Amino acid sequence: MSKISHSLMFKIEVLAAYKNIDCSLKEFCTRYKISVKTLYRWINHFERFGESGLEPSTSWKKYSKVLKESAVKDYLTGNFSFNEIVLKYGISSDSVLRKWINKYNSHRVLKDTSEGRTSSMIKGRKTTWDERIQIALDCLGNGKDYQVTAETYGVSYQQVYQWVKKYDEGGEEALKDKRGRKKEEVELTPEEKIKLQMKKLERENERLRAENLFLKKLEEIERRRR
């Protein structure tokens, strides 16, 4: 899969035209051959970081241990939203902050981001089924920002893209490692079948929550535009 790369000037041109939109959102995006999610992602990045937020990410952004802890503690006070903390500390995305919070709540140590690490150095790695599901859900929740998700979880862009695609097409079962034989559903006991169905429902609810969260973000941006 080849990733479409848009220049900084093209993104600025699209956002400038969006301010004076004279057609439906779908027609506007078709005109510029981009998706609605891509448009809103550019708007969100521009509102957070200005023109620099529209530039392609070619390096791994470094964060100090102190900054990570401060951002997490601010969130845990309940006085700030995800978006407010991301803006306050210049964090690249909600996903990055969410990862720090999960690590902090799991009593793991937050460390300085390693220097010199670039996105080109992030190669594929082995993952568990649960990890692949969580990564796919997180990517759906941030509007399919594959690059940010890949950087957040330390996996490759290609892996994230494939997992999201499989999840969209076949749900969590499509993300299973098929190399080892697992019990077929007909072989399961009644209790195992109930547990399997409950887990499927839980995962589906997680997917819906992730997609609803992103839709709420889009609605918020649209309200501000009006």
Protein backbone atom coordinates (compact mmCIF):
# COMPACT_ATOMS: atom_id res chain seq x y z
CA MET A 1 0.00 0.00 0.00
CA SER A 2 1.46 3.35 -1.00
CA LYS A 3 0.67 6.30 1.23
CA ILE A 4 -0.54 9.42 -0.58
CA SER A 5 1.63 12.39 0.36
CA HIS A 6 0.20 15.89 0.09
CA SER A 7 2.44 18.94 0.11
CA LEU A 8 2.23 21.66 2.72
CA MET A 9 1.10 24.17 0.09
CA PHE A 10 -1.71 21.86 -1.05
CA LYS A 11 -3.00 21.47 2.51
CA ILE A 12 -2.92 25.25 3.06
CA GLU A 13 -4.79 25.74 -0.22
CA VAL A 14 -7.48 23.24 0.83
CA LEU A 15 -7.95 24.83 4.27
CA ALA A 16 -8.15 28.31 2.73
CA ALA A 17 -10.82 27.09 0.32
CA TYR A 18 -12.68 25.40 3.16
CA LYS A 19 -13.20 28.76 4.88
CA ASN A 20 -15.29 29.85 1.88
CA ILE A 21 -16.91 26.50 1.11
CA ASP A 22 -19.74 26.89 -1.40
CA CYS A 23 -20.90 23.28 -1.69
CA SER A 24 -21.55 20.22 0.45
CA LEU A 25 -18.71 18.74 2.46
CA LYS A 26 -18.73 15.58 0.34
CA GLU A 27 -18.53 17.58 -2.89
CA PHE A 28 -15.73 19.71 -1.47
CA CYS A 29 -13.62 16.66 -0.53
CA THR A 30 -14.31 15.00 -3.89
CA ARG A 31 -13.07 18.15 -5.61
CA TYR A 32 -9.73 17.91 -3.83
CA LYS A 33 -9.62 14.09 -3.88
CA ILE A 34 -9.35 13.70 -0.11
CA SER A 35 -11.56 12.06 2.51
CA VAL A 36 -13.68 13.95 5.04
CA LYS A 37 -11.58 12.43 7.83
CA THR A 38 -8.39 13.69 6.18
CA LEU A 39 -9.83 17.19 5.93
CA TYR A 40 -10.82 17.29 9.58
CA ARG A 41 -7.46 15.88 10.62
CA TRP A 42 -5.71 18.73 8.79
CA ILE A 43 -8.06 21.27 10.40
CA ASN A 44 -7.39 19.79 13.83
CA HIS A 45 -3.60 19.79 13.33
CA PHE A 46 -3.68 23.36 12.00
CA GLU A 47 -5.72 24.60 14.96
CA ARG A 48 -3.30 22.95 17.38
CA PHE A 49 0.07 23.71 15.83
CA GLY A 50 -0.40 26.17 12.96
CA GLU A 51 1.28 25.49 9.61
CA SER A 52 3.92 23.30 11.27
CA GLY A 53 1.14 20.87 12.16
CA LEU A 54 0.50 20.30 8.47
CA GLU A 55 4.07 19.31 7.66
CA PRO A 56 4.79 15.58 7.20
CA SER A 57 6.13 13.97 10.36
CA THR A 58 9.65 12.77 9.51
CA SER A 59 11.03 12.38 12.99
CA TRP A 60 10.05 10.89 16.31
CA LYS A 61 9.00 13.71 18.58
CA LYS A 62 10.91 13.68 21.87
CA TYR A 63 9.23 14.25 25.24
CA SER A 64 10.91 14.45 28.63
CA LYS A 65 9.89 12.30 31.59
CA VAL A 66 8.91 15.48 33.48
CA LEU A 67 6.61 16.63 30.67
CA LYS A 68 4.94 13.21 30.44
CA GLU A 69 4.30 13.05 34.18
CA SER A 70 3.00 16.62 34.30
CA ALA A 71 0.60 15.98 31.42
CA VAL A 72 -0.71 12.77 32.99
CA LYS A 73 -1.16 14.35 36.42
CA ASP A 74 -2.99 17.30 34.89
CA TYR A 75 -5.41 14.89 33.23
CA LEU A 76 -5.94 12.87 36.40
CA THR A 77 -7.00 16.00 38.30
CA GLY A 78 -10.11 16.07 36.13
CA ASN A 79 -9.66 19.80 35.49
CA PHE A 80 -8.49 19.45 31.89
CA SER A 81 -9.76 17.66 28.80
CA PHE A 82 -7.57 15.57 26.49
CA ASN A 83 -7.56 18.38 23.94
CA GLU A 84 -6.57 21.03 26.49
CA ILE A 85 -3.60 18.97 27.69
CA VAL A 86 -2.49 18.14 24.15
CA LEU A 87 -2.48 21.86 23.33
CA LYS A 88 -0.84 22.86 26.63
CA TYR A 89 2.12 20.49 26.28
CA GLY A 90 2.42 20.37 22.48
CA ILE A 91 1.70 16.64 22.31
CA SER A 92 1.31 15.24 18.81
CA SER A 93 -2.03 13.47 19.42
CA ASP A 94 -4.60 12.24 21.95
CA SER A 95 -3.30 8.71 21.34
CA VAL A 96 0.15 9.59 22.66
CA LEU A 97 -1.31 11.09 25.84
CA ARG A 98 -3.63 8.11 26.29
CA LYS A 99 -0.65 5.74 26.11
CA TRP A 100 1.18 7.68 28.86
CA ILE A 101 -1.92 7.59 31.07
CA ASN A 102 -2.34 3.83 30.61
CA LYS A 103 1.32 3.25 31.41
CA TYR A 104 1.16 5.50 34.49
CA ASN A 105 -2.00 3.78 35.76
CA SER A 106 -0.30 0.41 35.28
CA HIS A 107 2.48 1.59 37.64
CA ARG A 108 5.07 1.54 34.87
CA VAL A 109 7.79 4.19 34.75
CA LEU A 110 7.48 7.01 32.23
CA LYS A 111 10.86 7.65 30.60
CA ASP A 112 12.43 10.29 28.38
CA THR A 113 11.75 9.55 24.71
CA SER A 114 14.87 8.12 23.11
CA GLU A 115 16.75 10.64 21.02
CA GLY A 116 17.42 10.16 17.36
CA ARG A 117 14.54 7.77 16.75
CA THR A 118 12.83 8.41 13.43
CA SER A 119 9.67 7.07 11.90
CA SER A 120 11.73 5.29 9.25
CA MET A 121 13.34 3.26 12.04
CA ILE A 122 10.04 1.93 13.29
CA LYS A 123 9.79 -1.57 11.91
CA GLY A 124 7.18 -4.24 12.35
CA ARG A 125 7.21 -6.21 15.59
CA LYS A 126 5.39 -9.20 17.01
CA THR A 127 2.12 -8.37 18.74
CA THR A 128 -0.60 -10.21 20.62
CA TRP A 129 -4.17 -10.48 19.40
CA ASP A 130 -5.32 -8.06 22.12
CA GLU A 131 -2.64 -5.56 21.11
CA ARG A 132 -3.72 -5.65 17.48
CA ILE A 133 -7.34 -5.07 18.45
CA GLN A 134 -6.42 -2.14 20.72
CA ILE A 135 -4.21 -0.57 18.04
CA ALA A 136 -6.95 -0.91 15.41
CA LEU A 137 -9.51 0.65 17.76
CA ASP A 138 -7.18 3.49 18.67
CA CYS A 139 -6.52 4.21 15.01
CA LEU A 140 -10.25 4.28 14.29
CA GLY A 141 -10.65 6.64 17.25
CA ASN A 142 -8.16 9.16 15.89
CA GLY A 143 -9.61 9.22 12.38
CA LYS A 144 -7.31 6.56 10.92
CA ASP A 145 -4.11 8.51 11.51
CA TYR A 146 -1.92 5.49 10.77
CA GLN A 147 1.40 7.29 11.24
CA VAL A 148 0.59 8.66 14.68
CA THR A 149 -0.79 5.29 15.78
CA ALA A 150 2.32 3.51 14.52
CA GLU A 151 4.59 5.90 16.44
CA THR A 152 2.47 5.61 19.58
CA TYR A 153 2.67 1.82 19.72
CA GLY A 154 6.11 1.33 18.19
CA VAL A 155 4.90 -0.68 15.20
CA SER A 156 5.13 -0.05 11.48
CA TYR A 157 2.75 2.08 9.42
CA GLN A 158 2.06 -0.94 7.21
CA GLN A 159 1.07 -3.08 10.19
CA VAL A 160 -1.40 -0.49 11.46
CA TYR A 161 -2.92 -0.07 8.00
CA GLN A 162 -3.38 -3.82 7.54
CA TRP A 163 -4.86 -4.34 11.02
CA VAL A 164 -7.39 -1.53 10.59
CA LYS A 165 -8.32 -2.84 7.14
CA LYS A 166 -8.79 -6.39 8.48
CA TYR A 167 -10.79 -5.11 11.46
CA ASP A 168 -13.08 -3.09 9.18
CA GLU A 169 -13.67 -6.13 6.99
CA GLY A 170 -13.87 -8.95 9.53
CA GLY A 171 -13.85 -7.59 13.06
CA GLU A 172 -11.58 -8.85 15.81
CA GLU A 173 -11.50 -12.42 14.48
CA ALA A 174 -9.71 -11.18 11.36
CA LEU A 175 -6.81 -10.02 13.54
CA LYS A 176 -6.06 -13.48 14.92
CA ASP A 177 -2.77 -15.17 14.09
CA LYS A 178 -3.88 -18.02 11.83
CA ARG A 179 -0.58 -19.93 11.98
CA GLY A 180 -1.51 -22.02 15.03
CA ARG A 181 -4.63 -24.18 15.14
CA LYS A 182 -7.30 -22.90 17.49
CA LYS A 183 -10.55 -24.48 18.54
CA GLU A 184 -13.31 -24.13 15.97
CA GLU A 185 -16.50 -22.63 17.39
CA VAL A 186 -18.36 -25.93 16.89
CA GLU A 187 -15.85 -27.57 19.24
CA LEU A 188 -16.47 -25.13 22.08
CA THR A 189 -18.48 -25.99 25.16
CA PRO A 190 -21.68 -23.98 25.84
CA GLU A 191 -19.82 -22.00 28.52
CA GLU A 192 -16.96 -21.22 26.12
CA LYS A 193 -19.41 -20.12 23.44
CA ILE A 194 -21.07 -17.71 25.88
CA LYS A 195 -17.70 -16.25 26.88
CA LEU A 196 -16.75 -15.90 23.22
CA GLN A 197 -19.97 -14.06 22.40
CA MET A 198 -19.56 -11.77 25.42
CA LYS A 199 -16.04 -10.91 24.33
CA LYS A 200 -17.25 -10.16 20.80
CA LEU A 201 -19.89 -7.82 22.18
CA GLU A 202 -17.33 -6.05 24.37
CA ARG A 203 -15.00 -5.52 21.41
CA GLU A 204 -17.85 -4.28 19.23
CA ASN A 205 -18.81 -1.78 21.94
CA GLU A 206 -15.20 -0.61 22.09
CA ARG A 207 -15.17 -0.10 18.32
CA LEU A 208 -18.40 1.89 18.44
CA ARG A 209 -17.06 4.03 21.31
CA ALA A 210 -13.89 4.76 19.33
CA GLU A 211 -15.82 5.76 16.22
CA ASN A 212 -18.34 7.83 18.21
CA LEU A 213 -15.49 9.66 19.93
CA PHE A 214 -14.05 10.67 16.58
CA LEU A 215 -17.44 11.72 15.25
CA LYS A 216 -17.90 13.96 18.30
CA LYS A 217 -14.57 15.61 17.51
CA LEU A 218 -15.71 16.25 13.93
CA GLU A 219 -18.98 17.74 15.16
CA GLU A 220 -17.10 20.02 17.55
CA ILE A 221 -14.87 21.31 14.74
CA GLU A 222 -17.91 21.83 12.50
CA ARG A 223 -19.68 23.82 15.23
CA ARG A 224 -16.65 26.07 15.62
CA ARG A 225 -16.56 26.65 11.85
CA ARG A 226 -20.13 27.92 11.97
